[in-house]
Amino acid sequence: MLTETQIQTFRDQGFLNYGPVLTPDETQALREALTRTLSGKSERKPETNRDIGGSNGVVVQIVNQWEVEPVFHTHLFHPQIVTMVAQLMGTDTVRVWHDQVQIKPSHIGGPTIWHQDFPYWPVIAPAELVSAWVALEDATVENGCMSMVPRSHKWGAYNGGTVGSIPDDWGPAHDVGFVPEGESVEPVACEVPAGGVVFHHCMTWHGAPPNHTGRGRPAIAVHYMPGHTRYEPTDKGHLVEEHISVKPGELLVGEHFPTVMERGEILKG
């Protein structure tokens, strides 16, 4: 359970670096399952398994790993994480939008461009989702931990979600005219140990530097949505939209969007 101070910090800042949540055994089980997927030994293939790093380096992204390895499916329902997410969203019903494995390989792991999540999801509403980003190895500034821009979740949608290009110093390359008067862009690095979690609002500006160390930086981000999230399609579409079976304007439910908490009760995966 989160304290009222922690909840208020999240509401004010748009993120919360909570720290350790998984046990060493839980973390190791996720790492081993991810290794199976990366080596082609999982029984199923993930939604996507691609390099999104471009010319700046390698960033491996896997979507809906929970449908590939049972231990990742179990992770969606982690009681402590789900409880905290529900507190942060102020809801008693929580579903999964989708998950993302994000890997920055040692030495060649590229930066993650500064962005907001919600504008990349133009088929759902409202913008009240919360992501639980769990490090599967120690995440530091040196190997590419997440950084957040405080209060940016209150500034509205920006440029389709992408805050800007990646300058040489990796700082946010944004339009200063977009930042409200009296505010400033001062990123906060969210270092976290293996098995630790960082929560962030779907409108918070965030990114991650490259990994030039000899250690990889794997992580699993689960994007949770409150129970009142609706399907609101646009002409932009989304990767997982093909799995949506409800009509526009209806609650987003279905087997591909698991309910992990219903009316305050945490369900079992």
C-alpha atoms as a PDB file:
ATOM      1  CA  MET A   1       0.000   0.000   0.000  1.00  0.00           C
ATOM      2  CA  LEU A   2       1.126   3.503  -0.761  1.00  0.00           C
ATOM      3  CA  THR A   3       1.025   6.314   1.752  1.00  0.00           C
ATOM      4  CA  GLU A   4      -1.000   9.444   1.109  1.00  0.00           C
ATOM      5  CA  THR A   5       2.290  11.301   0.708  1.00  0.00           C
ATOM      6  CA  GLN A   6       3.413   8.915  -2.052  1.00  0.00           C
ATOM      7  CA  ILE A   7       0.085   9.210  -3.842  1.00  0.00           C
ATOM      8  CA  GLN A   8       0.221  12.987  -3.661  1.00  0.00           C
ATOM      9  CA  THR A   9       3.808  12.968  -4.951  1.00  0.00           C
ATOM     10  CA  PHE A  10       2.651  11.009  -7.983  1.00  0.00           C
ATOM     11  CA  ARG A  11      -0.264  13.359  -8.603  1.00  0.00           C
ATOM     12  CA  ASP A  12       1.980  16.402  -8.296  1.00  0.00           C
ATOM     13  CA  GLN A  13       5.031  15.125 -10.166  1.00  0.00           C
ATOM     14  CA  GLY A  14       3.589  12.581 -12.623  1.00  0.00           C
ATOM     15  CA  PHE A  15       5.808   9.724 -11.466  1.00  0.00           C
ATOM     16  CA  LEU A  16       6.878   7.809  -8.364  1.00  0.00           C
ATOM     17  CA  ASN A  17      10.155   5.941  -7.951  1.00  0.00           C
ATOM     18  CA  TYR A  18       8.870   3.367  -5.494  1.00  0.00           C
ATOM     19  CA  GLY A  19      11.869   1.022  -5.391  1.00  0.00           C
ATOM     20  CA  PRO A  20      12.037  -2.738  -4.672  1.00  0.00           C
ATOM     21  CA  VAL A  21       8.846  -4.726  -5.171  1.00  0.00           C
ATOM     22  CA  LEU A  22       9.719  -8.118  -6.735  1.00  0.00           C
ATOM     23  CA  THR A  23      11.615 -10.810  -4.857  1.00  0.00           C
ATOM     24  CA  PRO A  24      14.970 -11.997  -6.264  1.00  0.00           C
ATOM     25  CA  ASP A  25      13.284 -15.260  -7.317  1.00  0.00           C
ATOM     26  CA  GLU A  26      10.476 -13.422  -9.134  1.00  0.00           C
ATOM     27  CA  THR A  27      12.975 -11.215 -10.926  1.00  0.00           C
ATOM     28  CA  GLN A  28      15.147 -14.163 -11.915  1.00  0.00           C
ATOM     29  CA  ALA A  29      12.140 -16.069 -13.271  1.00  0.00           C
ATOM     30  CA  LEU A  30      11.262 -13.126 -15.534  1.00  0.00           C
ATOM     31  CA  ARG A  31      14.853 -12.863 -16.755  1.00  0.00           C
ATOM     32  CA  GLU A  32      14.977 -16.570 -17.584  1.00  0.00           C
ATOM     33  CA  ALA A  33      11.665 -16.412 -19.457  1.00  0.00           C
ATOM     34  CA  LEU A  34      12.870 -13.400 -21.415  1.00  0.00           C
ATOM     35  CA  THR A  35      16.042 -15.260 -22.358  1.00  0.00           C
ATOM     36  CA  ARG A  36      13.900 -18.086 -23.747  1.00  0.00           C
ATOM     37  CA  THR A  37      11.941 -15.646 -25.888  1.00  0.00           C
ATOM     38  CA  LEU A  38      15.041 -13.889 -27.191  1.00  0.00           C
ATOM     39  CA  SER A  39      16.620 -17.227 -28.104  1.00  0.00           C
ATOM     40  CA  GLY A  40      13.469 -18.403 -29.909  1.00  0.00           C
ATOM     41  CA  LYS A  41      12.707 -21.124 -27.365  1.00  0.00           C
ATOM     42  CA  SER A  42       9.334 -19.829 -26.157  1.00  0.00           C
ATOM     43  CA  GLU A  43       6.351 -21.799 -27.429  1.00  0.00           C
ATOM     44  CA  ARG A  44       4.730 -18.658 -28.845  1.00  0.00           C
ATOM     45  CA  LYS A  45       6.040 -15.573 -30.586  1.00  0.00           C
ATOM     46  CA  PRO A  46       5.392 -12.093 -29.145  1.00  0.00           C
ATOM     47  CA  GLU A  47       3.237  -9.429 -30.791  1.00  0.00           C
ATOM     48  CA  THR A  48       6.398  -7.663 -31.915  1.00  0.00           C
ATOM     49  CA  ASN A  49      10.095  -8.168 -31.313  1.00  0.00           C
ATOM     50  CA  ARG A  50      11.958  -5.325 -32.951  1.00  0.00           C
ATOM     51  CA  ASP A  51      14.769  -2.829 -32.660  1.00  0.00           C
ATOM     52  CA  ILE A  52      13.382   0.688 -32.235  1.00  0.00           C
ATOM     53  CA  GLY A  53      16.750   2.302 -31.616  1.00  0.00           C
ATOM     54  CA  GLY A  54      17.435   3.305 -35.214  1.00  0.00           C
ATOM     55  CA  SER A  55      20.786   4.854 -36.018  1.00  0.00           C
ATOM     56  CA  ASN A  56      21.391   5.848 -32.395  1.00  0.00           C
ATOM     57  CA  GLY A  57      21.859   2.308 -31.100  1.00  0.00           C
ATOM     58  CA  VAL A  58      19.904  -0.843 -30.274  1.00  0.00           C
ATOM     59  CA  VAL A  59      16.706  -0.747 -28.203  1.00  0.00           C
ATOM     60  CA  VAL A  60      14.803  -4.045 -28.326  1.00  0.00           C
ATOM     61  CA  GLN A  61      11.057  -3.767 -27.770  1.00  0.00           C
ATOM     62  CA  ILE A  62       8.732  -6.741 -27.280  1.00  0.00           C
ATOM     63  CA  VAL A  63       4.977  -6.137 -26.995  1.00  0.00           C
ATOM     64  CA  ASN A  64       2.594  -8.417 -25.087  1.00  0.00           C
ATOM     65  CA  GLN A  65       5.247 -10.697 -23.666  1.00  0.00           C
ATOM     66  CA  TRP A  66       2.544 -11.767 -21.222  1.00  0.00           C
ATOM     67  CA  GLU A  67       0.947 -13.815 -24.006  1.00  0.00           C
ATOM     68  CA  VAL A  68       4.242 -15.605 -24.665  1.00  0.00           C
ATOM     69  CA  GLU A  69       5.561 -16.698 -21.263  1.00  0.00           C
ATOM     70  CA  PRO A  70       3.299 -17.676 -18.315  1.00  0.00           C
ATOM     71  CA  VAL A  71       5.523 -15.962 -15.746  1.00  0.00           C
ATOM     72  CA  PHE A  72       4.949 -12.620 -17.480  1.00  0.00           C
ATOM     73  CA  HIS A  73       1.200 -13.296 -17.441  1.00  0.00           C
ATOM     74  CA  THR A  74       1.442 -13.894 -13.701  1.00  0.00           C
ATOM     75  CA  HIS A  75       3.397 -10.653 -13.352  1.00  0.00           C
ATOM     76  CA  LEU A  76       0.408  -8.652 -14.639  1.00  0.00           C
ATOM     77  CA  PHE A  77      -1.491  -9.669 -11.508  1.00  0.00           C
ATOM     78  CA  HIS A  78       1.277  -8.934  -8.977  1.00  0.00           C
ATOM     79  CA  PRO A  79      -0.809  -8.003  -5.902  1.00  0.00           C
ATOM     80  CA  GLN A  80       1.431  -5.228  -4.612  1.00  0.00           C
ATOM     81  CA  ILE A  81       1.868  -3.589  -8.007  1.00  0.00           C
ATOM     82  CA  VAL A  82      -1.825  -3.810  -8.906  1.00  0.00           C
ATOM     83  CA  THR A  83      -2.840  -2.397  -5.521  1.00  0.00           C
ATOM     84  CA  MET A  84      -0.496   0.560  -5.902  1.00  0.00           C
ATOM     85  CA  VAL A  85      -1.595   1.223  -9.478  1.00  0.00           C
ATOM     86  CA  ALA A  86      -5.231   1.274  -8.354  1.00  0.00           C
ATOM     87  CA  GLN A  87      -4.338   3.772  -5.635  1.00  0.00           C
ATOM     88  CA  LEU A  88      -2.511   6.013  -8.093  1.00  0.00           C
ATOM     89  CA  MET A  89      -5.402   5.945 -10.565  1.00  0.00           C
ATOM     90  CA  GLY A  90      -8.036   6.306  -7.847  1.00  0.00           C
ATOM     91  CA  THR A  91     -10.029   3.349  -9.130  1.00  0.00           C
ATOM     92  CA  ASP A  92     -11.221  -0.053  -7.923  1.00  0.00           C
ATOM     93  CA  THR A  93     -11.135  -1.748 -11.338  1.00  0.00           C
ATOM     94  CA  VAL A  94      -7.914  -2.151 -13.316  1.00  0.00           C
ATOM     95  CA  ARG A  95      -7.207  -3.710 -16.701  1.00  0.00           C
ATOM     96  CA  VAL A  96      -4.096  -4.185 -18.814  1.00  0.00           C
ATOM     97  CA  TRP A  97      -3.726  -2.159 -22.000  1.00  0.00           C
ATOM     98  CA  HIS A  98      -0.543  -3.976 -23.008  1.00  0.00           C
ATOM     99  CA  ASP A  99       2.984  -4.627 -21.812  1.00  0.00           C
ATOM    100  CA  GLN A 100       6.382  -3.830 -23.280  1.00  0.00           C
ATOM    101  CA  VAL A 101       9.726  -5.446 -22.663  1.00  0.00           C
ATOM    102  CA  GLN A 102      12.460  -2.891 -23.249  1.00  0.00           C
ATOM    103  CA  ILE A 103      16.092  -3.956 -23.541  1.00  0.00           C
ATOM    104  CA  LYS A 104      19.194  -1.826 -23.910  1.00  0.00           C
ATOM    105  CA  PRO A 105      22.026  -4.288 -24.676  1.00  0.00           C
ATOM    106  CA  SER A 106      25.434  -3.741 -23.123  1.00  0.00           C
ATOM    107  CA  HIS A 107      27.714  -1.278 -24.930  1.00  0.00           C
ATOM    108  CA  ILE A 108      25.341  -0.718 -27.890  1.00  0.00           C
ATOM    109  CA  GLY A 109      22.057   0.113 -26.156  1.00  0.00           C
ATOM    110  CA  GLY A 110      20.684   3.298 -27.679  1.00  0.00           C
ATOM    111  CA  PRO A 111      18.794   6.165 -26.044  1.00  0.00           C
ATOM    112  CA  THR A 112      15.026   6.240 -25.669  1.00  0.00           C
ATOM    113  CA  ILE A 113      13.733   9.430 -27.235  1.00  0.00           C
ATOM    114  CA  TRP A 114      11.882  11.825 -24.952  1.00  0.00           C
ATOM    115  CA  HIS A 115       8.173  11.186 -25.304  1.00  0.00           C
ATOM    116  CA  GLN A 116       4.727  10.870 -23.749  1.00  0.00           C
ATOM    117  CA  ASP A 117       2.950   7.508 -23.926  1.00  0.00           C
ATOM    118  CA  PHE A 118      -0.689   8.439 -24.372  1.00  0.00           C
ATOM    119  CA  PRO A 119      -0.438  10.211 -27.763  1.00  0.00           C
ATOM    120  CA  TYR A 120       0.976   6.918 -29.114  1.00  0.00           C
ATOM    121  CA  TRP A 121      -2.242   5.197 -28.033  1.00  0.00           C
ATOM    122  CA  PRO A 122      -4.810   7.122 -30.123  1.00  0.00           C
ATOM    123  CA  VAL A 123      -7.545   4.512 -29.787  1.00  0.00           C
ATOM    124  CA  ILE A 124      -8.391   4.762 -26.077  1.00  0.00           C
ATOM    125  CA  ALA A 125      -9.653   7.394 -23.615  1.00  0.00           C
ATOM    126  CA  PRO A 126      -9.411   8.999 -21.130  1.00  0.00           C
ATOM    127  CA  ALA A 127      -5.717   9.725 -20.529  1.00  0.00           C
ATOM    128  CA  GLU A 128      -5.584   8.213 -17.069  1.00  0.00           C
ATOM    129  CA  LEU A 129      -3.334   5.179 -17.569  1.00  0.00           C
ATOM    130  CA  VAL A 130      -0.432   4.398 -15.247  1.00  0.00           C
ATOM    131  CA  SER A 131       2.625   2.376 -16.235  1.00  0.00           C
ATOM    132  CA  ALA A 132       4.583   0.150 -13.863  1.00  0.00           C
ATOM    133  CA  TRP A 133       8.178  -0.021 -15.155  1.00  0.00           C
ATOM    134  CA  VAL A 134      10.112  -2.833 -13.461  1.00  0.00           C
ATOM    135  CA  ALA A 135      13.867  -3.232 -13.873  1.00  0.00           C
ATOM    136  CA  LEU A 136      15.053  -6.808 -14.405  1.00  0.00           C
ATOM    137  CA  GLU A 137      18.662  -5.771 -13.765  1.00  0.00           C
ATOM    138  CA  ASP A 138      19.909  -2.809 -11.765  1.00  0.00           C
ATOM    139  CA  ALA A 139      19.024   0.313 -13.777  1.00  0.00           C
ATOM    140  CA  THR A 140      21.427   3.238 -13.431  1.00  0.00           C
ATOM    141  CA  VAL A 141      22.142   6.432 -15.314  1.00  0.00           C
ATOM    142  CA  GLU A 142      25.162   4.718 -16.845  1.00  0.00           C
ATOM    143  CA  ASN A 143      23.215   1.806 -18.357  1.00  0.00           C
ATOM    144  CA  GLY A 144      20.075   3.718 -19.325  1.00  0.00           C
ATOM    145  CA  CYS A 145      17.604   4.080 -16.468  1.00  0.00           C
ATOM    146  CA  MET A 146      14.406   6.034 -17.038  1.00  0.00           C
ATOM    147  CA  SER A 147      14.292   9.789 -16.467  1.00  0.00           C
ATOM    148  CA  MET A 148      11.106  11.778 -15.862  1.00  0.00           C
ATOM    149  CA  VAL A 149      10.224  15.460 -16.258  1.00  0.00           C
ATOM    150  CA  PRO A 150       8.336  16.543 -13.117  1.00  0.00           C
ATOM    151  CA  ARG A 151       4.836  18.000 -13.570  1.00  0.00           C
ATOM    152  CA  SER A 152       4.899  17.471 -17.357  1.00  0.00           C
ATOM    153  CA  HIS A 153       1.793  15.253 -17.167  1.00  0.00           C
ATOM    154  CA  LYS A 154      -0.175  18.471 -16.641  1.00  0.00           C
ATOM    155  CA  TRP A 155       1.085  20.204 -19.800  1.00  0.00           C
ATOM    156  CA  GLY A 156      -1.120  18.482 -22.398  1.00  0.00           C
ATOM    157  CA  ALA A 157      -0.233  16.380 -25.436  1.00  0.00           C
ATOM    158  CA  TYR A 158       2.861  17.425 -27.342  1.00  0.00           C
ATOM    159  CA  ASN A 159       3.747  16.834 -30.997  1.00  0.00           C
ATOM    160  CA  GLY A 160       2.067  13.461 -31.285  1.00  0.00           C
ATOM    161  CA  GLY A 161       3.898  12.226 -28.198  1.00  0.00           C
ATOM    162  CA  THR A 162       7.493  12.830 -29.248  1.00  0.00           C
ATOM    163  CA  VAL A 163       8.978  15.624 -27.167  1.00  0.00           C
ATOM    164  CA  GLY A 164      11.854  16.179 -29.569  1.00  0.00           C
ATOM    165  CA  SER A 165      14.964  14.856 -31.240  1.00  0.00           C
ATOM    166  CA  ILE A 166      17.922  13.424 -29.350  1.00  0.00           C
ATOM    167  CA  PRO A 167      20.657  16.060 -28.979  1.00  0.00           C
ATOM    168  CA  ASP A 168      24.270  15.168 -28.292  1.00  0.00           C
ATOM    169  CA  ASP A 169      23.783  15.706 -24.566  1.00  0.00           C
ATOM    170  CA  TRP A 170      20.576  13.615 -24.627  1.00  0.00           C
ATOM    171  CA  GLY A 171      18.598  16.371 -22.896  1.00  0.00           C
ATOM    172  CA  PRO A 172      15.010  17.025 -24.018  1.00  0.00           C
ATOM    173  CA  ALA A 173      14.992  18.944 -27.315  1.00  0.00           C
ATOM    174  CA  HIS A 174      11.604  20.557 -26.912  1.00  0.00           C
ATOM    175  CA  ASP A 175       9.771  23.675 -27.954  1.00  0.00           C
ATOM    176  CA  VAL A 176      10.272  26.021 -25.011  1.00  0.00           C
ATOM    177  CA  GLY A 177       7.043  27.763 -25.969  1.00  0.00           C
ATOM    178  CA  PHE A 178       5.140  24.641 -24.984  1.00  0.00           C
ATOM    179  CA  VAL A 179       6.348  24.707 -21.380  1.00  0.00           C
ATOM    180  CA  PRO A 180       3.935  26.680 -19.168  1.00  0.00           C
ATOM    181  CA  GLU A 181       5.141  29.935 -17.690  1.00  0.00           C
ATOM    182  CA  GLY A 182       6.933  29.360 -14.426  1.00  0.00           C
ATOM    183  CA  GLU A 183       7.763  25.739 -15.260  1.00  0.00           C
ATOM    184  CA  SER A 184      11.095  24.272 -16.317  1.00  0.00           C
ATOM    185  CA  VAL A 185      12.297  21.035 -17.878  1.00  0.00           C
ATOM    186  CA  GLU A 186      14.598  19.455 -15.322  1.00  0.00           C
ATOM    187  CA  PRO A 187      14.642  15.658 -15.768  1.00  0.00           C
ATOM    188  CA  VAL A 188      14.960  13.393 -12.739  1.00  0.00           C
ATOM    189  CA  ALA A 189      16.872  10.132 -13.182  1.00  0.00           C
ATOM    190  CA  CYS A 190      15.008   7.156 -11.696  1.00  0.00           C
ATOM    191  CA  GLU A 191      17.707   4.688 -10.745  1.00  0.00           C
ATOM    192  CA  VAL A 192      16.183   1.488  -9.418  1.00  0.00           C
ATOM    193  CA  PRO A 193      17.530  -1.940  -8.392  1.00  0.00           C
ATOM    194  CA  ALA A 194      16.596  -5.182 -10.114  1.00  0.00           C
ATOM    195  CA  GLY A 195      13.020  -5.942  -9.102  1.00  0.00           C
ATOM    196  CA  GLY A 196      12.291  -2.287  -8.392  1.00  0.00           C
ATOM    197  CA  VAL A 197       9.405  -0.342  -9.912  1.00  0.00           C
ATOM    198  CA  VAL A 198       8.902   3.186 -11.194  1.00  0.00           C
ATOM    199  CA  PHE A 199       5.335   4.355 -11.825  1.00  0.00           C
ATOM    200  CA  HIS A 200       4.526   7.091 -14.321  1.00  0.00           C
ATOM    201  CA  HIS A 201       1.429   8.802 -15.690  1.00  0.00           C
ATOM    202  CA  CYS A 202       0.694   8.279 -19.384  1.00  0.00           C
ATOM    203  CA  MET A 203       1.236  11.985 -20.139  1.00  0.00           C
ATOM    204  CA  THR A 204       4.554  12.375 -18.306  1.00  0.00           C
ATOM    205  CA  TRP A 205       7.577  13.271 -20.433  1.00  0.00           C
ATOM    206  CA  HIS A 206      10.182  10.522 -20.076  1.00  0.00           C
ATOM    207  CA  GLY A 207      13.145   8.972 -21.816  1.00  0.00           C
ATOM    208  CA  ALA A 208      16.361   7.096 -21.130  1.00  0.00           C
ATOM    209  CA  PRO A 209      20.029   7.603 -22.022  1.00  0.00           C
ATOM    210  CA  PRO A 210      22.123   5.078 -23.957  1.00  0.00           C
ATOM    211  CA  ASN A 211      23.831   2.097 -22.362  1.00  0.00           C
ATOM    212  CA  HIS A 212      27.592   2.203 -22.717  1.00  0.00           C
ATOM    213  CA  THR A 213      28.298  -0.195 -19.856  1.00  0.00           C
ATOM    214  CA  GLY A 214      29.068  -3.901 -19.905  1.00  0.00           C
ATOM    215  CA  ARG A 215      25.679  -4.679 -18.323  1.00  0.00           C
ATOM    216  CA  GLY A 216      22.399  -5.030 -20.186  1.00  0.00           C
ATOM    217  CA  ARG A 217      19.320  -3.109 -19.069  1.00  0.00           C
ATOM    218  CA  PRO A 218      16.184  -5.238 -19.501  1.00  0.00           C
ATOM    219  CA  ALA A 219      12.871  -4.029 -18.089  1.00  0.00           C
ATOM    220  CA  ILE A 220       9.177  -4.857 -18.269  1.00  0.00           C
ATOM    221  CA  ALA A 221       6.624  -2.045 -18.425  1.00  0.00           C
ATOM    222  CA  VAL A 222       2.973  -2.914 -17.905  1.00  0.00           C
ATOM    223  CA  HIS A 223       0.543  -0.224 -19.004  1.00  0.00           C
ATOM    224  CA  TYR A 224      -2.512  -0.386 -16.749  1.00  0.00           C
ATOM    225  CA  MET A 225      -5.828   1.364 -17.426  1.00  0.00           C
ATOM    226  CA  PRO A 226      -8.745   2.179 -15.126  1.00  0.00           C
ATOM    227  CA  GLY A 227     -11.921   0.199 -15.635  1.00  0.00           C
ATOM    228  CA  HIS A 228     -13.741   3.107 -17.274  1.00  0.00           C
ATOM    229  CA  THR A 229     -11.275   3.283 -20.204  1.00  0.00           C
ATOM    230  CA  ARG A 230     -13.149   3.262 -23.527  1.00  0.00           C
ATOM    231  CA  TYR A 231     -12.349   2.305 -27.090  1.00  0.00           C
ATOM    232  CA  GLU A 232     -12.202   5.588 -29.025  1.00  0.00           C
ATOM    233  CA  PRO A 233     -10.692   4.798 -32.456  1.00  0.00           C
ATOM    234  CA  THR A 234      -9.024   7.358 -34.705  1.00  0.00           C
ATOM    235  CA  ASP A 235      -7.478   7.130 -38.142  1.00  0.00           C
ATOM    236  CA  LYS A 236      -4.030   6.654 -36.564  1.00  0.00           C
ATOM    237  CA  GLY A 237      -4.626   3.155 -35.220  1.00  0.00           C
ATOM    238  CA  HIS A 238      -2.474   1.050 -32.898  1.00  0.00           C
ATOM    239  CA  LEU A 239      -0.648  -2.270 -32.973  1.00  0.00           C
ATOM    240  CA  VAL A 240      -3.027  -4.078 -30.619  1.00  0.00           C
ATOM    241  CA  GLU A 241      -6.209  -2.581 -32.095  1.00  0.00           C
ATOM    242  CA  GLU A 242      -6.784  -5.769 -34.081  1.00  0.00           C
ATOM    243  CA  HIS A 243      -7.558  -7.505 -30.782  1.00  0.00           C
ATOM    244  CA  ILE A 244     -10.296  -5.044 -29.806  1.00  0.00           C
ATOM    245  CA  SER A 245     -13.762  -6.562 -30.201  1.00  0.00           C
ATOM    246  CA  VAL A 246     -15.939  -3.889 -28.563  1.00  0.00           C
ATOM    247  CA  LYS A 247     -17.671  -1.053 -30.390  1.00  0.00           C
ATOM    248  CA  PRO A 248     -16.450   2.570 -30.368  1.00  0.00           C
ATOM    249  CA  GLY A 249     -17.392   4.282 -27.133  1.00  0.00           C
ATOM    250  CA  GLU A 250     -17.710   1.029 -25.191  1.00  0.00           C
ATOM    251  CA  LEU A 251     -15.535  -0.040 -22.278  1.00  0.00           C
ATOM    252  CA  LEU A 252     -12.324  -1.685 -23.449  1.00  0.00           C
ATOM    253  CA  VAL A 253     -12.688  -5.264 -22.281  1.00  0.00           C
ATOM    254  CA  GLY A 254     -11.772  -8.644 -23.721  1.00  0.00           C
ATOM    255  CA  GLU A 255      -9.385 -11.540 -23.355  1.00  0.00           C
ATOM    256  CA  HIS A 256      -6.468  -9.517 -24.712  1.00  0.00           C
ATOM    257  CA  PHE A 257      -7.010  -6.830 -22.054  1.00  0.00           C
ATOM    258  CA  PRO A 258      -7.031  -8.775 -18.783  1.00  0.00           C
ATOM    259  CA  THR A 259      -8.885  -7.461 -15.759  1.00  0.00           C
ATOM    260  CA  VAL A 260      -6.446  -7.649 -12.834  1.00  0.00           C
ATOM    261  CA  MET A 261      -8.622  -5.927 -10.216  1.00  0.00           C
ATOM    262  CA  GLU A 262     -12.415  -5.786 -10.149  1.00  0.00           C
ATOM    263  CA  ARG A 263     -14.375  -3.783  -7.577  1.00  0.00           C
ATOM    264  CA  GLY A 264     -11.370  -3.729  -5.281  1.00  0.00           C
ATOM    265  CA  GLU A 265     -10.605  -7.444  -5.513  1.00  0.00           C
ATOM    266  CA  ILE A 266      -7.284  -8.493  -7.021  1.00  0.00           C
ATOM    267  CA  LEU A 267      -7.853 -11.339  -9.467  1.00  0.00           C
ATOM    268  CA  LYS A 268      -5.562 -14.275 -10.138  1.00  0.00           C
ATOM    269  CA  GLY A 269      -3.819 -14.825 -13.454  1.00  0.00           C
END
